[in-house]
C-alpha atoms as a PDB file:
ATOM      1  CA  UNK A   1       0.000   0.000   0.000  1.00  0.00           C
ATOM      2  CA  UNK A   2       1.342   3.420  -0.985  1.00  0.00           C
ATOM      3  CA  UNK A   3       1.690   6.189   1.606  1.00  0.00           C
ATOM      4  CA  UNK A   4      -0.261   9.377   0.827  1.00  0.00           C
ATOM      5  CA  UNK A   5       1.737  12.612   0.706  1.00  0.00           C
ATOM      6  CA  UNK A   6       1.344  14.772   3.820  1.00  0.00           C
ATOM      7  CA  UNK A   7      -0.415  17.616   2.008  1.00  0.00           C
ATOM      8  CA  UNK A   8      -3.101  15.235   0.707  1.00  0.00           C
ATOM      9  CA  UNK A   9      -3.757  13.979   4.249  1.00  0.00           C
ATOM     10  CA  UNK A  10      -3.831  17.592   5.479  1.00  0.00           C
ATOM     11  CA  UNK A  11      -6.290  18.615   2.757  1.00  0.00           C
ATOM     12  CA  UNK A  12      -8.605  15.697   3.571  1.00  0.00           C
ATOM     13  CA  UNK A  13      -8.633  16.645   7.279  1.00  0.00           C
ATOM     14  CA  UNK A  14      -9.405  20.274   6.450  1.00  0.00           C
ATOM     15  CA  UNK A  15     -12.170  19.445   3.976  1.00  0.00           C
ATOM     16  CA  UNK A  16     -13.750  17.007   6.449  1.00  0.00           C
ATOM     17  CA  UNK A  17     -13.724  19.665   9.149  1.00  0.00           C
ATOM     18  CA  UNK A  18     -15.186  22.311   6.827  1.00  0.00           C
ATOM     19  CA  UNK A  19     -17.833  19.879   5.562  1.00  0.00           C
ATOM     20  CA  UNK A  20     -19.953  20.646   8.618  1.00  0.00           C
ATOM     21  CA  UNK A  21     -21.860  23.956   8.197  1.00  0.00           C
ATOM     22  CA  UNK A  22     -21.219  25.315  11.696  1.00  0.00           C
ATOM     23  CA  UNK A  23     -17.480  24.685  11.426  1.00  0.00           C
ATOM     24  CA  UNK A  24     -17.449  26.366   8.022  1.00  0.00           C
ATOM     25  CA  UNK A  25     -19.223  29.403   9.538  1.00  0.00           C
ATOM     26  CA  UNK A  26     -16.710  29.542  12.402  1.00  0.00           C
ATOM     27  CA  UNK A  27     -13.736  29.415  10.025  1.00  0.00           C
ATOM     28  CA  UNK A  28     -15.257  32.047   7.750  1.00  0.00           C
ATOM     29  CA  UNK A  29     -16.010  34.279  10.727  1.00  0.00           C
ATOM     30  CA  UNK A  30     -12.395  34.036  11.902  1.00  0.00           C
ATOM     31  CA  UNK A  31     -11.115  34.761   8.391  1.00  0.00           C
ATOM     32  CA  UNK A  32     -12.628  38.237   8.611  1.00  0.00           C
ATOM     33  CA  UNK A  33     -12.327  39.052  12.328  1.00  0.00           C
ATOM     34  CA  UNK A  34      -9.546  39.356  14.876  1.00  0.00           C
ATOM     35  CA  UNK A  35      -9.040  36.376  17.209  1.00  0.00           C
ATOM     36  CA  UNK A  36     -12.205  35.559  19.156  1.00  0.00           C
ATOM     37  CA  UNK A  37     -12.781  33.666  22.390  1.00  0.00           C
ATOM     38  CA  UNK A  38     -15.275  30.847  22.731  1.00  0.00           C
ATOM     39  CA  UNK A  39     -17.836  33.126  24.408  1.00  0.00           C
ATOM     40  CA  UNK A  40     -17.691  35.652  21.534  1.00  0.00           C
ATOM     41  CA  UNK A  41     -18.047  32.888  18.965  1.00  0.00           C
ATOM     42  CA  UNK A  42     -20.989  31.409  20.897  1.00  0.00           C
ATOM     43  CA  UNK A  43     -22.736  34.787  20.983  1.00  0.00           C
ATOM     44  CA  UNK A  44     -22.339  35.239  17.250  1.00  0.00           C
ATOM     45  CA  UNK A  45     -23.495  31.706  16.448  1.00  0.00           C
ATOM     46  CA  UNK A  46     -26.482  32.024  18.818  1.00  0.00           C
ATOM     47  CA  UNK A  47     -28.049  28.555  18.680  1.00  0.00           C
ATOM     48  CA  UNK A  48     -24.884  26.486  19.243  1.00  0.00           C
ATOM     49  CA  UNK A  49     -24.482  24.987  22.731  1.00  0.00           C
ATOM     50  CA  UNK A  50     -21.158  25.537  24.507  1.00  0.00           C
ATOM     51  CA  UNK A  51     -20.177  21.869  24.480  1.00  0.00           C
ATOM     52  CA  UNK A  52     -21.001  21.600  20.784  1.00  0.00           C
ATOM     53  CA  UNK A  53     -18.985  24.736  20.054  1.00  0.00           C
ATOM     54  CA  UNK A  54     -16.013  23.268  21.922  1.00  0.00           C
ATOM     55  CA  UNK A  55     -16.265  20.130  19.784  1.00  0.00           C
ATOM     56  CA  UNK A  56     -16.288  22.209  16.580  1.00  0.00           C
ATOM     57  CA  UNK A  57     -13.299  24.280  17.730  1.00  0.00           C
ATOM     58  CA  UNK A  58     -11.382  21.103  18.564  1.00  0.00           C
ATOM     59  CA  UNK A  59     -12.042  19.658  15.104  1.00  0.00           C
ATOM     60  CA  UNK A  60     -10.856  22.861  13.417  1.00  0.00           C
ATOM     61  CA  UNK A  61      -7.792  23.049  15.662  1.00  0.00           C
ATOM     62  CA  UNK A  62      -6.900  19.378  15.151  1.00  0.00           C
ATOM     63  CA  UNK A  63      -6.807  19.779  11.369  1.00  0.00           C
ATOM     64  CA  UNK A  64      -4.539  22.816  11.743  1.00  0.00           C
ATOM     65  CA  UNK A  65      -7.016  25.389  10.474  1.00  0.00           C
ATOM     66  CA  UNK A  66      -7.324  27.194  13.819  1.00  0.00           C
ATOM     67  CA  UNK A  67      -4.628  28.296  16.228  1.00  0.00           C
ATOM     68  CA  UNK A  68      -5.337  29.120  19.851  1.00  0.00           C
ATOM     69  CA  UNK A  69      -3.695  31.294  22.461  1.00  0.00           C
ATOM     70  CA  UNK A  70      -4.531  31.706  26.116  1.00  0.00           C
ATOM     71  CA  UNK A  71      -4.988  35.068  27.824  1.00  0.00           C
ATOM     72  CA  UNK A  72      -5.823  34.583  31.490  1.00  0.00           C
ATOM     73  CA  UNK A  73      -8.851  32.302  31.613  1.00  0.00           C
ATOM     74  CA  UNK A  74      -9.818  32.969  27.992  1.00  0.00           C
ATOM     75  CA  UNK A  75      -8.713  30.976  24.966  1.00  0.00           C
ATOM     76  CA  UNK A  76      -8.674  32.969  21.743  1.00  0.00           C
ATOM     77  CA  UNK A  77      -8.942  31.331  18.336  1.00  0.00           C
ATOM     78  CA  UNK A  78      -7.628  32.647  15.058  1.00  0.00           C
ATOM     79  CA  UNK A  79      -7.535  31.235  11.562  1.00  0.00           C
ATOM     80  CA  UNK A  80      -4.264  29.818  10.271  1.00  0.00           C
ATOM     81  CA  UNK A  81      -4.375  32.131   7.258  1.00  0.00           C
ATOM     82  CA  UNK A  82      -1.521  30.467   5.386  1.00  0.00           C
ATOM     83  CA  UNK A  83      -3.175  27.047   5.549  1.00  0.00           C
ATOM     84  CA  UNK A  84      -6.598  28.492   4.750  1.00  0.00           C
ATOM     85  CA  UNK A  85      -5.296  30.354   1.688  1.00  0.00           C
ATOM     86  CA  UNK A  86      -3.664  27.173   0.471  1.00  0.00           C
ATOM     87  CA  UNK A  87      -6.516  24.723   1.017  1.00  0.00           C
ATOM     88  CA  UNK A  88      -9.696  26.792   1.524  1.00  0.00           C
ATOM     89  CA  UNK A  89      -9.476  30.202  -0.155  1.00  0.00           C
ATOM     90  CA  UNK A  90     -13.288  30.314  -0.253  1.00  0.00           C
ATOM     91  CA  UNK A  91     -13.179  31.330   3.423  1.00  0.00           C
ATOM     92  CA  UNK A  92     -11.950  34.784   2.391  1.00  0.00           C
ATOM     93  CA  UNK A  93     -14.775  35.546  -0.055  1.00  0.00           C
END
């Protein structure tokens, strides 16, 4: 069995993550805004429960599309713009 190149595996992970509408909305939101914390994202998404939002953020972080940084008790998320431009330029439209 032949090993897949790393960028193909990366692309598949990203496309799987973005295949869910809420995750796509989160990524698109972060493409146009400064880093946001979970509470700010939850307010903007309105009908998404906190635990569900955490799951979505984990999926987007695990595929490399989101980066996080901690400031006190808050975790801020931002889009990995380089990766997004390479694999999902539609997020910037």
